[in-house]
Amino acid sequence: MEFFFRLTLLANSKKVVNQNCYFLDQKHNYLIVSCFKFEIVITKTYIMTTIKLVLILVVFTLNYARAQKQNQTTSKNNDLMNTYVIERIIPGAGNLTAEQLKGISQTSCSVLAEMGPKIEWQQSYVTGDKVYCVYKAENIALIEEHAKKGGFPANSISEVKTVISPATAKL
């Protein structure tokens, strides 16, 4: 049984040479391959190692493909969600301690976990007497529900229609 394959040879560890090689014979623990005038003996251990590496690459590729599919599903879910900016009037917000801000964040995250994946908190900006929060949600009712359950004011809720930045000026 003869087959053609490409084999990379290391010639005395000096230089890599590519040669066309042909399968000649299979003995008990090795294969004999002919590359022009050279006969090369490849042990079955080497072949098994190569097969194991190929299998590892196949498993890695399948897992990567599954992860990509999962990322596409997440992206599709985010496509269904709108971005909202919530203005919360909280007198003295800029003077809240790190511990107080942590407590507020923990409360918000607990409510979000309870509400499920249809609403996500992106980030918040704390100013003197106001906090501006950026959320992604499927609808405004979810933003209102989050504020009610968390005990947060939601004095103004605005849907973001588009985002501009300095990059917009270059379009």
Protein backbone atom coordinates (compact mmCIF):
# COMPACT_ATOMS: atom_id res chain seq x y z
CA MET A 1 0.00 0.00 0.00
CA GLU A 2 1.69 3.18 -1.17
CA PHE A 3 0.70 6.69 -0.19
CA PHE A 4 2.16 10.11 -0.73
CA PHE A 5 2.85 12.57 2.04
CA ARG A 6 5.05 15.56 2.80
CA LEU A 7 7.68 15.03 5.48
CA THR A 8 9.88 17.67 7.04
CA LEU A 9 13.37 16.36 7.68
CA LEU A 10 15.90 17.83 10.02
CA ALA A 11 19.25 17.34 8.39
CA ASN A 12 21.64 16.93 11.32
CA SER A 13 19.72 19.70 13.15
CA LYS A 14 21.22 22.24 10.77
CA LYS A 15 18.42 23.00 8.35
CA VAL A 16 14.83 22.05 7.64
CA VAL A 17 14.37 20.41 4.24
CA ASN A 18 11.01 19.49 2.69
CA GLN A 19 11.00 16.31 0.63
CA ASN A 20 8.36 14.24 -1.15
CA CYS A 21 8.26 10.84 0.48
CA TYR A 22 6.62 7.50 -0.22
CA PHE A 23 5.49 4.76 2.11
CA LEU A 24 7.48 1.58 1.46
CA ASP A 25 6.77 -0.96 4.14
CA GLN A 26 5.24 -1.43 7.56
CA LYS A 27 7.02 -3.68 10.02
CA HIS A 28 6.06 -4.59 13.58
CA ASN A 29 6.96 -1.37 15.40
CA TYR A 30 7.94 1.00 12.63
CA LEU A 31 7.29 2.29 9.12
CA ILE A 32 9.93 2.52 6.39
CA VAL A 33 9.66 5.60 4.22
CA SER A 34 11.73 6.51 1.18
CA CYS A 35 12.63 10.10 0.43
CA PHE A 36 14.57 10.10 -2.81
CA LYS A 37 17.77 8.24 -1.84
CA PHE A 38 17.08 8.31 1.90
CA GLU A 39 15.23 5.62 3.80
CA ILE A 40 13.67 6.79 7.02
CA VAL A 41 12.36 4.62 9.81
CA ILE A 42 9.47 6.11 11.76
CA THR A 43 8.55 4.33 14.95
CA LYS A 44 4.91 3.67 15.71
CA THR A 45 5.39 5.62 18.94
CA TYR A 46 5.99 8.73 16.87
CA ILE A 47 2.89 7.95 14.82
CA MET A 48 0.80 7.48 17.97
CA THR A 49 2.07 10.79 19.34
CA THR A 50 1.10 12.48 16.07
CA ILE A 51 -2.35 10.89 16.17
CA LYS A 52 -2.80 12.08 19.77
CA LEU A 53 -1.82 15.63 18.78
CA VAL A 54 -4.27 15.57 15.87
CA LEU A 55 -7.04 14.36 18.18
CA ILE A 56 -6.24 17.12 20.68
CA LEU A 57 -6.43 19.68 17.85
CA VAL A 58 -9.78 18.25 16.73
CA VAL A 59 -11.19 18.47 20.29
CA PHE A 60 -9.83 22.01 20.66
CA THR A 61 -11.37 23.02 17.31
CA LEU A 62 -14.77 21.56 18.25
CA ASN A 63 -14.72 23.33 21.63
CA TYR A 64 -13.70 26.59 19.95
CA ALA A 65 -16.54 26.25 17.42
CA ARG A 66 -19.03 25.60 20.24
CA ALA A 67 -17.76 28.67 22.13
CA GLN A 68 -18.08 30.81 18.99
CA LYS A 69 -21.67 29.61 18.55
CA GLN A 70 -22.39 30.50 22.18
CA ASN A 71 -20.88 33.97 21.65
CA GLN A 72 -23.10 34.46 18.60
CA THR A 73 -26.14 33.58 20.72
CA THR A 74 -25.07 36.14 23.34
CA SER A 75 -24.54 38.74 20.61
CA LYS A 76 -28.00 38.03 19.23
CA ASN A 77 -29.45 38.49 22.73
CA ASN A 78 -27.62 41.85 23.04
CA ASP A 79 -29.01 42.87 19.64
CA LEU A 80 -32.53 42.53 21.14
CA MET A 81 -31.59 44.80 24.03
CA ASN A 82 -31.71 48.59 23.93
CA THR A 83 -29.30 50.85 25.79
CA TYR A 84 -30.72 53.20 28.42
CA VAL A 85 -29.28 56.05 30.49
CA ILE A 86 -30.94 56.42 33.89
CA GLU A 87 -30.63 59.63 35.88
CA ARG A 88 -30.90 59.04 39.62
CA ILE A 89 -31.08 62.10 41.88
CA ILE A 90 -29.26 61.14 45.08
CA PRO A 91 -28.26 64.18 47.19
CA GLY A 92 -24.63 63.87 48.27
CA ALA A 93 -23.93 60.97 45.86
CA GLY A 94 -20.45 62.33 45.16
CA ASN A 95 -19.63 62.08 48.88
CA LEU A 96 -20.60 58.40 49.28
CA THR A 97 -17.82 56.23 50.68
CA ALA A 98 -16.34 53.28 48.82
CA GLU A 99 -18.16 50.97 51.25
CA GLN A 100 -21.50 52.68 50.58
CA LEU A 101 -20.98 52.47 46.80
CA LYS A 102 -20.08 48.81 47.18
CA GLY A 103 -23.33 48.17 49.09
CA ILE A 104 -25.38 49.93 46.40
CA SER A 105 -23.60 47.90 43.70
CA GLN A 106 -24.23 44.65 45.55
CA THR A 107 -27.93 45.45 45.91
CA SER A 108 -28.19 46.25 42.21
CA CYS A 109 -26.37 43.05 41.22
CA SER A 110 -28.61 40.94 43.47
CA VAL A 111 -31.74 42.38 41.85
CA LEU A 112 -30.25 41.85 38.37
CA ALA A 113 -29.44 38.21 39.15
CA GLU A 114 -33.04 37.71 40.27
CA MET A 115 -34.43 39.38 37.12
CA GLY A 116 -32.44 37.27 34.65
CA PRO A 117 -30.58 37.97 31.39
CA LYS A 118 -33.04 40.48 29.88
CA ILE A 119 -31.40 43.37 31.73
CA GLU A 120 -27.70 44.19 32.24
CA TRP A 121 -25.94 46.96 34.13
CA GLN A 122 -23.07 48.36 32.07
CA GLN A 123 -21.67 51.10 34.33
CA SER A 124 -22.56 54.20 36.34
CA TYR A 125 -21.16 57.72 36.67
CA VAL A 126 -21.37 59.34 40.09
CA THR A 127 -21.51 63.14 40.20
CA GLY A 128 -22.24 65.58 43.04
CA ASP A 129 -25.95 64.90 43.54
CA LYS A 130 -26.75 62.48 40.73
CA VAL A 131 -25.81 59.06 39.45
CA TYR A 132 -26.07 58.31 35.72
CA CYS A 133 -26.39 54.59 35.01
CA VAL A 134 -26.05 52.84 31.66
CA TYR A 135 -28.13 49.68 31.23
CA LYS A 136 -29.01 47.31 28.44
CA ALA A 137 -32.54 45.96 28.61
CA GLU A 138 -35.23 44.58 26.34
CA ASN A 139 -37.62 47.34 27.40
CA ILE A 140 -38.05 50.33 29.72
CA ALA A 141 -40.38 48.38 32.04
CA LEU A 142 -37.41 46.22 33.11
CA ILE A 143 -35.44 49.35 34.06
CA GLU A 144 -38.38 50.59 36.12
CA GLU A 145 -38.80 47.17 37.77
CA HIS A 146 -35.10 47.07 38.69
CA ALA A 147 -35.29 50.52 40.29
CA LYS A 148 -38.41 49.56 42.29
CA LYS A 149 -36.99 46.22 43.51
CA GLY A 150 -33.63 47.79 44.42
CA GLY A 151 -35.12 50.84 46.09
CA PHE A 152 -33.30 53.18 43.69
CA PRO A 153 -34.75 56.36 42.26
CA ALA A 154 -35.11 56.46 38.48
CA ASN A 155 -35.92 60.11 37.90
CA SER A 156 -35.33 59.97 34.18
CA ILE A 157 -34.93 57.02 31.81
CA SER A 158 -33.80 57.73 28.25
CA GLU A 159 -33.21 55.24 25.45
CA VAL A 160 -29.92 55.78 23.63
CA LYS A 161 -30.63 56.17 19.92
CA THR A 162 -27.03 56.44 18.74
CA VAL A 163 -23.52 56.88 20.13
CA ILE A 164 -21.03 59.44 18.89
CA SER A 165 -17.39 59.97 19.78
CA PRO A 166 -14.32 61.69 18.34
CA ALA A 167 -14.21 58.85 15.81
CA THR A 168 -17.56 60.09 14.46
CA ALA A 169 -15.85 63.29 13.27
CA LYS A 170 -13.57 61.24 11.02
CA LEU A 171 -16.36 59.41 9.17
